[in-house]
Amino acid sequence: MSGGGAPTYAVDGRDGRIGEVMGRVGGYVQLRPVGGGREWDCPPEELAEAAPADVLRERVRRLNRDARSRA
């Protein structure tokens, strides 16, 4: 979990989504999409560490999607 330093990212093994680890609630880990959005809960046994390249790829994908929606 993030302790005030750099964010920690994880992959939800159920569907491959990458999210920023926000905390734990009721036995689940809460993840938020890269770049913001609605959080979701993931069982801790389904989490894997996200590779930095995958996080960067997800950030670029989000920026491109946002740019297309403004055009």
PDB file of N, CA and C in Angstrom:
ATOM      1  N   MET A   1       0.827  -1.198   0.000  1.00  0.00           N
ATOM      2  CA  MET A   1       0.000   0.000   0.000  1.00  0.00           C
ATOM      3  C   MET A   1       0.865   1.254   0.000  1.00  0.00           C
ATOM      4  N   SER A   2       0.328   2.279  -0.512  1.00  0.00           N
ATOM      5  CA  SER A   2       1.037   3.544  -0.578  1.00  0.00           C
ATOM      6  C   SER A   2       1.078   4.194   0.798  1.00  0.00           C
ATOM      7  N   GLY A   3       2.259   4.619   1.206  1.00  0.00           N
ATOM      8  CA  GLY A   3       2.399   5.233   2.514  1.00  0.00           C
ATOM      9  C   GLY A   3       2.766   6.693   2.419  1.00  0.00           C
ATOM     10  N   GLY A   4       2.258   7.391   1.437  1.00  0.00           N
ATOM     11  CA  GLY A   4       2.545   8.805   1.308  1.00  0.00           C
ATOM     12  C   GLY A   4       3.630   9.093   0.296  1.00  0.00           C
ATOM     13  N   GLY A   5       4.352   8.056  -0.154  1.00  0.00           N
ATOM     14  CA  GLY A   5       5.372   8.229  -1.178  1.00  0.00           C
ATOM     15  C   GLY A   5       4.759   8.098  -2.553  1.00  0.00           C
ATOM     16  N   ALA A   6       5.527   7.477  -3.424  1.00  0.00           N
ATOM     17  CA  ALA A   6       5.035   7.244  -4.792  1.00  0.00           C
ATOM     18  C   ALA A   6       3.869   6.264  -4.760  1.00  0.00           C
ATOM     19  N   PRO A   7       2.909   6.447  -5.649  1.00  0.00           N
ATOM     20  CA  PRO A   7       1.764   5.529  -5.679  1.00  0.00           C
ATOM     21  C   PRO A   7       2.207   4.108  -6.016  1.00  0.00           C
ATOM     22  N   THR A   8       1.444   3.148  -5.528  1.00  0.00           N
ATOM     23  CA  THR A   8       1.655   1.745  -5.843  1.00  0.00           C
ATOM     24  C   THR A   8       0.563   1.318  -6.803  1.00  0.00           C
ATOM     25  N   TYR A   9       0.938   0.581  -7.836  1.00  0.00           N
ATOM     26  CA  TYR A   9      -0.022   0.116  -8.829  1.00  0.00           C
ATOM     27  C   TYR A   9      -0.060  -1.399  -8.827  1.00  0.00           C
ATOM     28  N   ALA A  10      -1.233  -1.934  -9.115  1.00  0.00           N
ATOM     29  CA  ALA A  10      -1.412  -3.378  -9.144  1.00  0.00           C
ATOM     30  C   ALA A  10      -2.314  -3.743 -10.315  1.00  0.00           C
ATOM     31  N   VAL A  11      -2.224  -5.004 -10.705  1.00  0.00           N
ATOM     32  CA  VAL A  11      -3.066  -5.548 -11.759  1.00  0.00           C
ATOM     33  C   VAL A  11      -4.118  -6.437 -11.113  1.00  0.00           C
ATOM     34  N   ASP A  12      -5.371  -6.210 -11.463  1.00  0.00           N
ATOM     35  CA  ASP A  12      -6.472  -7.058 -11.020  1.00  0.00           C
ATOM     36  C   ASP A  12      -6.452  -8.292 -11.917  1.00  0.00           C
ATOM     37  N   GLY A  13      -6.089  -9.432 -11.346  1.00  0.00           N
ATOM     38  CA  GLY A  13      -5.949 -10.654 -12.115  1.00  0.00           C
ATOM     39  C   GLY A  13      -7.241 -11.176 -12.704  1.00  0.00           C
ATOM     40  N   ARG A  14      -8.383 -10.676 -12.240  1.00  0.00           N
ATOM     41  CA  ARG A  14      -9.659 -11.140 -12.764  1.00  0.00           C
ATOM     42  C   ARG A  14      -9.932 -10.623 -14.161  1.00  0.00           C
ATOM     43  N   ASP A  15      -9.465  -9.396 -14.462  1.00  0.00           N
ATOM     44  CA  ASP A  15      -9.757  -8.827 -15.780  1.00  0.00           C
ATOM     45  C   ASP A  15      -8.588  -8.046 -16.387  1.00  0.00           C
ATOM     46  N   GLY A  16      -7.457  -7.989 -15.691  1.00  0.00           N
ATOM     47  CA  GLY A  16      -6.277  -7.336 -16.236  1.00  0.00           C
ATOM     48  C   GLY A  16      -6.212  -5.836 -16.070  1.00  0.00           C
ATOM     49  N   ARG A  17      -7.221  -5.249 -15.389  1.00  0.00           N
ATOM     50  CA  ARG A  17      -7.180  -3.793 -15.190  1.00  0.00           C
ATOM     51  C   ARG A  17      -6.035  -3.415 -14.266  1.00  0.00           C
ATOM     52  N   ILE A  18      -5.414  -2.265 -14.552  1.00  0.00           N
ATOM     53  CA  ILE A  18      -4.355  -1.719 -13.718  1.00  0.00           C
ATOM     54  C   ILE A  18      -4.949  -0.593 -12.894  1.00  0.00           C
ATOM     55  N   GLY A  19      -4.625  -0.576 -11.600  1.00  0.00           N
ATOM     56  CA  GLY A  19      -5.140   0.475 -10.742  1.00  0.00           C
ATOM     57  C   GLY A  19      -4.151   0.893  -9.683  1.00  0.00           C
ATOM     58  N   GLU A  20      -4.333   2.110  -9.203  1.00  0.00           N
ATOM     59  CA  GLU A  20      -3.546   2.622  -8.092  1.00  0.00           C
ATOM     60  C   GLU A  20      -4.150   2.073  -6.804  1.00  0.00           C
ATOM     61  N   VAL A  21      -3.302   1.518  -5.960  1.00  0.00           N
ATOM     62  CA  VAL A  21      -3.767   0.970  -4.687  1.00  0.00           C
ATOM     63  C   VAL A  21      -4.115   2.131  -3.761  1.00  0.00           C
ATOM     64  N   MET A  22      -5.393   2.151  -3.319  1.00  0.00           N
ATOM     65  CA  MET A  22      -5.875   3.237  -2.471  1.00  0.00           C
ATOM     66  C   MET A  22      -5.965   2.846  -0.994  1.00  0.00           C
ATOM     67  N   GLY A  23      -6.186   1.569  -0.719  1.00  0.00           N
ATOM     68  CA  GLY A  23      -6.311   1.122   0.658  1.00  0.00           C
ATOM     69  C   GLY A  23      -7.015  -0.221   0.727  1.00  0.00           C
ATOM     70  N   ARG A  24      -7.351  -0.611   1.948  1.00  0.00           N
ATOM     71  CA  ARG A  24      -8.063  -1.873   2.179  1.00  0.00           C
ATOM     72  C   ARG A  24      -9.374  -1.570   2.887  1.00  0.00           C
ATOM     73  N   VAL A  25     -10.426  -2.256   2.455  1.00  0.00           N
ATOM     74  CA  VAL A  25     -11.739  -2.112   3.088  1.00  0.00           C
ATOM     75  C   VAL A  25     -12.388  -3.490   3.104  1.00  0.00           C
ATOM     76  N   GLY A  26     -12.743  -3.955   4.289  1.00  0.00           N
ATOM     77  CA  GLY A  26     -13.478  -5.208   4.416  1.00  0.00           C
ATOM     78  C   GLY A  26     -12.805  -6.407   3.787  1.00  0.00           C
ATOM     79  N   GLY A  27     -11.510  -6.504   3.861  1.00  0.00           N
ATOM     80  CA  GLY A  27     -10.808  -7.641   3.309  1.00  0.00           C
ATOM     81  C   GLY A  27     -10.469  -7.509   1.836  1.00  0.00           C
ATOM     82  N   TYR A  28     -10.891  -6.434   1.200  1.00  0.00           N
ATOM     83  CA  TYR A  28     -10.591  -6.191  -0.211  1.00  0.00           C
ATOM     84  C   TYR A  28      -9.590  -5.050  -0.327  1.00  0.00           C
ATOM     85  N   VAL A  29      -8.885  -5.021  -1.433  1.00  0.00           N
ATOM     86  CA  VAL A  29      -7.995  -3.910  -1.755  1.00  0.00           C
ATOM     87  C   VAL A  29      -8.744  -3.013  -2.726  1.00  0.00           C
ATOM     88  N   GLN A  30      -8.747  -1.720  -2.437  1.00  0.00           N
ATOM     89  CA  GLN A  30      -9.413  -0.768  -3.330  1.00  0.00           C
ATOM     90  C   GLN A  30      -8.403  -0.232  -4.332  1.00  0.00           C
ATOM     91  N   LEU A  31      -8.796  -0.288  -5.596  1.00  0.00           N
ATOM     92  CA  LEU A  31      -7.976   0.213  -6.693  1.00  0.00           C
ATOM     93  C   LEU A  31      -8.727   1.320  -7.406  1.00  0.00           C
ATOM     94  N   ARG A  32      -7.964   2.290  -7.912  1.00  0.00           N
ATOM     95  CA  ARG A  32      -8.552   3.371  -8.702  1.00  0.00           C
ATOM     96  C   ARG A  32      -7.858   3.371 -10.058  1.00  0.00           C
ATOM     97  N   PRO A  33      -8.605   3.549 -11.142  1.00  0.00           N
ATOM     98  CA  PRO A  33      -7.977   3.550 -12.468  1.00  0.00           C
ATOM     99  C   PRO A  33      -6.827   4.557 -12.557  1.00  0.00           C
ATOM    100  N   VAL A  34      -5.850   4.226 -13.360  1.00  0.00           N
ATOM    101  CA  VAL A  34      -4.724   5.133 -13.602  1.00  0.00           C
ATOM    102  C   VAL A  34      -5.294   6.422 -14.183  1.00  0.00           C
ATOM    103  N   GLY A  35      -4.966   7.540 -13.584  1.00  0.00           N
ATOM    104  CA  GLY A  35      -5.470   8.827 -14.049  1.00  0.00           C
ATOM    105  C   GLY A  35      -6.766   9.250 -13.381  1.00  0.00           C
ATOM    106  N   GLY A  36      -7.307   8.411 -12.505  1.00  0.00           N
ATOM    107  CA  GLY A  36      -8.516   8.768 -11.764  1.00  0.00           C
ATOM    108  C   GLY A  36      -9.740   8.049 -12.265  1.00  0.00           C
ATOM    109  N   GLY A  37     -10.767   8.123 -11.481  1.00  0.00           N
ATOM    110  CA  GLY A  37     -12.018   7.470 -11.827  1.00  0.00           C
ATOM    111  C   GLY A  37     -12.588   6.724 -10.637  1.00  0.00           C
ATOM    112  N   ARG A  38     -13.591   5.929 -10.913  1.00  0.00           N
ATOM    113  CA  ARG A  38     -14.299   5.210  -9.861  1.00  0.00           C
ATOM    114  C   ARG A  38     -13.482   4.008  -9.368  1.00  0.00           C
ATOM    115  N   GLU A  39     -13.345   3.914  -8.060  1.00  0.00           N
ATOM    116  CA  GLU A  39     -12.603   2.818  -7.451  1.00  0.00           C
ATOM    117  C   GLU A  39     -13.379   1.516  -7.548  1.00  0.00           C
ATOM    118  N   TRP A  40     -12.633   0.405  -7.482  1.00  0.00           N
ATOM    119  CA  TRP A  40     -13.264  -0.905  -7.417  1.00  0.00           C
ATOM    120  C   TRP A  40     -12.522  -1.750  -6.391  1.00  0.00           C
ATOM    121  N   ASP A  41     -13.189  -2.773  -5.923  1.00  0.00           N
ATOM    122  CA  ASP A  41     -12.628  -3.677  -4.925  1.00  0.00           C
ATOM    123  C   ASP A  41     -12.084  -4.925  -5.588  1.00  0.00           C
ATOM    124  N   CYS A  42     -10.961  -5.398  -5.068  1.00  0.00           N
ATOM    125  CA  CYS A  42     -10.327  -6.596  -5.604  1.00  0.00           C
ATOM    126  C   CYS A  42      -9.864  -7.462  -4.440  1.00  0.00           C
ATOM    127  N   PRO A  43     -10.124  -8.771  -4.499  1.00  0.00           N
ATOM    128  CA  PRO A  43      -9.584  -9.660  -3.467  1.00  0.00           C
ATOM    129  C   PRO A  43      -8.052  -9.638  -3.533  1.00  0.00           C
ATOM    130  N   PRO A  44      -7.387  -9.567  -2.387  1.00  0.00           N
ATOM    131  CA  PRO A  44      -5.922  -9.453  -2.400  1.00  0.00           C
ATOM    132  C   PRO A  44      -5.226 -10.608  -3.119  1.00  0.00           C
ATOM    133  N   GLU A  45      -5.820 -11.789  -3.101  1.00  0.00           N
ATOM    134  CA  GLU A  45      -5.186 -12.931  -3.758  1.00  0.00           C
ATOM    135  C   GLU A  45      -5.225 -12.829  -5.287  1.00  0.00           C
ATOM    136  N   GLU A  46      -6.002 -11.893  -5.807  1.00  0.00           N
ATOM    137  CA  GLU A  46      -6.097 -11.684  -7.261  1.00  0.00           C
ATOM    138  C   GLU A  46      -5.166 -10.584  -7.760  1.00  0.00           C
ATOM    139  N   LEU A  47      -4.398  -9.958  -6.860  1.00  0.00           N
ATOM    140  CA  LEU A  47      -3.533  -8.840  -7.243  1.00  0.00           C
ATOM    141  C   LEU A  47      -2.144  -9.303  -7.643  1.00  0.00           C
ATOM    142  N   ALA A  48      -1.580  -8.592  -8.606  1.00  0.00           N
ATOM    143  CA  ALA A  48      -0.184  -8.759  -8.988  1.00  0.00           C
ATOM    144  C   ALA A  48       0.406  -7.365  -9.161  1.00  0.00           C
ATOM    145  N   GLU A  49       1.694  -7.251  -8.937  1.00  0.00           N
ATOM    146  CA  GLU A  49       2.352  -5.959  -9.103  1.00  0.00           C
ATOM    147  C   GLU A  49       2.323  -5.555 -10.576  1.00  0.00           C
ATOM    148  N   ALA A  50       2.021  -4.297 -10.823  1.00  0.00           N
ATOM    149  CA  ALA A  50       1.990  -3.776 -12.192  1.00  0.00           C
ATOM    150  C   ALA A  50       3.390  -3.323 -12.590  1.00  0.00           C
ATOM    151  N   ALA A  51       3.826  -3.741 -13.760  1.00  0.00           N
ATOM    152  CA  ALA A  51       5.125  -3.318 -14.281  1.00  0.00           C
ATOM    153  C   ALA A  51       5.065  -1.836 -14.638  1.00  0.00           C
ATOM    154  N   PRO A  52       6.148  -1.094 -14.399  1.00  0.00           N
ATOM    155  CA  PRO A  52       6.151   0.336 -14.742  1.00  0.00           C
ATOM    156  C   PRO A  52       5.769   0.612 -16.191  1.00  0.00           C
ATOM    157  N   ALA A  53       6.210  -0.221 -17.120  1.00  0.00           N
ATOM    158  CA  ALA A  53       5.863  -0.013 -18.536  1.00  0.00           C
ATOM    159  C   ALA A  53       4.360  -0.153 -18.757  1.00  0.00           C
ATOM    160  N   ASP A  54       3.719  -1.063 -18.036  1.00  0.00           N
ATOM    161  CA  ASP A  54       2.270  -1.239 -18.175  1.00  0.00           C
ATOM    162  C   ASP A  54       1.513  -0.042 -17.619  1.00  0.00           C
ATOM    163  N   VAL A  55       2.012   0.518 -16.514  1.00  0.00           N
ATOM    164  CA  VAL A  55       1.375   1.709 -15.937  1.00  0.00           C
ATOM    165  C   VAL A  55       1.508   2.878 -16.910  1.00  0.00           C
ATOM    166  N   LEU A  56       2.691   3.057 -17.491  1.00  0.00           N
ATOM    167  CA  LEU A  56       2.907   4.133 -18.460  1.00  0.00           C
ATOM    168  C   LEU A  56       1.991   3.954 -19.670  1.00  0.00           C
ATOM    169  N   ARG A  57       1.881   2.732 -20.160  1.00  0.00           N
ATOM    170  CA  ARG A  57       1.007   2.446 -21.304  1.00  0.00           C
ATOM    171  C   ARG A  57      -0.435   2.815 -20.979  1.00  0.00           C
ATOM    172  N   GLU A  58      -0.876   2.503 -19.771  1.00  0.00           N
ATOM    173  CA  GLU A  58      -2.247   2.816 -19.355  1.00  0.00           C
ATOM    174  C   GLU A  58      -2.447   4.325 -19.251  1.00  0.00           C
ATOM    175  N   ARG A  59      -1.432   5.056 -18.762  1.00  0.00           N
ATOM    176  CA  ARG A  59      -1.528   6.527 -18.695  1.00  0.00           C
ATOM    177  C   ARG A  59      -1.671   7.124 -20.093  1.00  0.00           C
ATOM    178  N   VAL A  60      -0.869   6.650 -21.029  1.00  0.00           N
ATOM    179  CA  VAL A  60      -0.929   7.157 -22.404  1.00  0.00           C
ATOM    180  C   VAL A  60      -2.289   6.828 -23.017  1.00  0.00           C
ATOM    181  N   ARG A  61      -2.781   5.614 -22.799  1.00  0.00           N
ATOM    182  CA  ARG A  61      -4.096   5.214 -23.315  1.00  0.00           C
ATOM    183  C   ARG A  61      -5.176   6.148 -22.779  1.00  0.00           C
ATOM    184  N   ARG A  62      -5.110   6.478 -21.505  1.00  0.00           N
ATOM    185  CA  ARG A  62      -6.106   7.375 -20.905  1.00  0.00           C
ATOM    186  C   ARG A  62      -6.014   8.784 -21.492  1.00  0.00           C
ATOM    187  N   LEU A  63      -4.793   9.287 -21.649  1.00  0.00           N
ATOM    188  CA  LEU A  63      -4.615  10.625 -22.228  1.00  0.00           C
ATOM    189  C   LEU A  63      -5.152  10.672 -23.652  1.00  0.00           C
ATOM    190  N   ASN A  64      -4.882   9.645 -24.433  1.00  0.00           N
ATOM    191  CA  ASN A  64      -5.394   9.594 -25.804  1.00  0.00           C
ATOM    192  C   ASN A  64      -6.913   9.551 -25.834  1.00  0.00           C
ATOM    193  N   ARG A  65      -7.509   8.754 -24.965  1.00  0.00           N
ATOM    194  CA  ARG A  65      -8.974   8.656 -24.896  1.00  0.00           C
ATOM    195  C   ARG A  65      -9.577  10.005 -24.507  1.00  0.00           C
ATOM    196  N   ASP A  66      -8.964  10.684 -23.535  1.00  0.00           N
ATOM    197  CA  ASP A  66      -9.472  11.987 -23.105  1.00  0.00           C
ATOM    198  C   ASP A  66      -9.340  13.022 -24.230  1.00  0.00           C
ATOM    199  N   ALA A  67      -8.238  12.985 -24.971  1.00  0.00           N
ATOM    200  CA  ALA A  67      -8.031  13.937 -26.067  1.00  0.00           C
ATOM    201  C   ALA A  67      -9.066  13.705 -27.175  1.00  0.00           C
ATOM    202  N   ARG A  68      -9.355  12.448 -27.490  1.00  0.00           N
ATOM    203  CA  ARG A  68     -10.351  12.145 -28.517  1.00  0.00           C
ATOM    204  C   ARG A  68     -11.740  12.606 -28.095  1.00  0.00           C
ATOM    205  N   SER A  69     -12.043  12.491 -26.814  1.00  0.00           N
ATOM    206  CA  SER A  69     -13.385  12.892 -26.356  1.00  0.00           C
ATOM    207  C   SER A  69     -13.562  14.410 -26.378  1.00  0.00           C
ATOM    208  N   ARG A  70     -12.460  15.171 -26.315  1.00  0.00           N
ATOM    209  CA  ARG A  70     -12.538  16.636 -26.367  1.00  0.00           C
ATOM    210  C   ARG A  70     -12.576  17.147 -27.797  1.00  0.00           C
ATOM    211  N   ALA A  71     -12.142  16.313 -28.739  1.00  0.00           N
ATOM    212  CA  ALA A  71     -12.055  16.750 -30.150  1.00  0.00           C
ATOM    213  C   ALA A  71     -13.420  16.786 -30.807  1.00  0.00           C
TER     214      ALA A  71
END
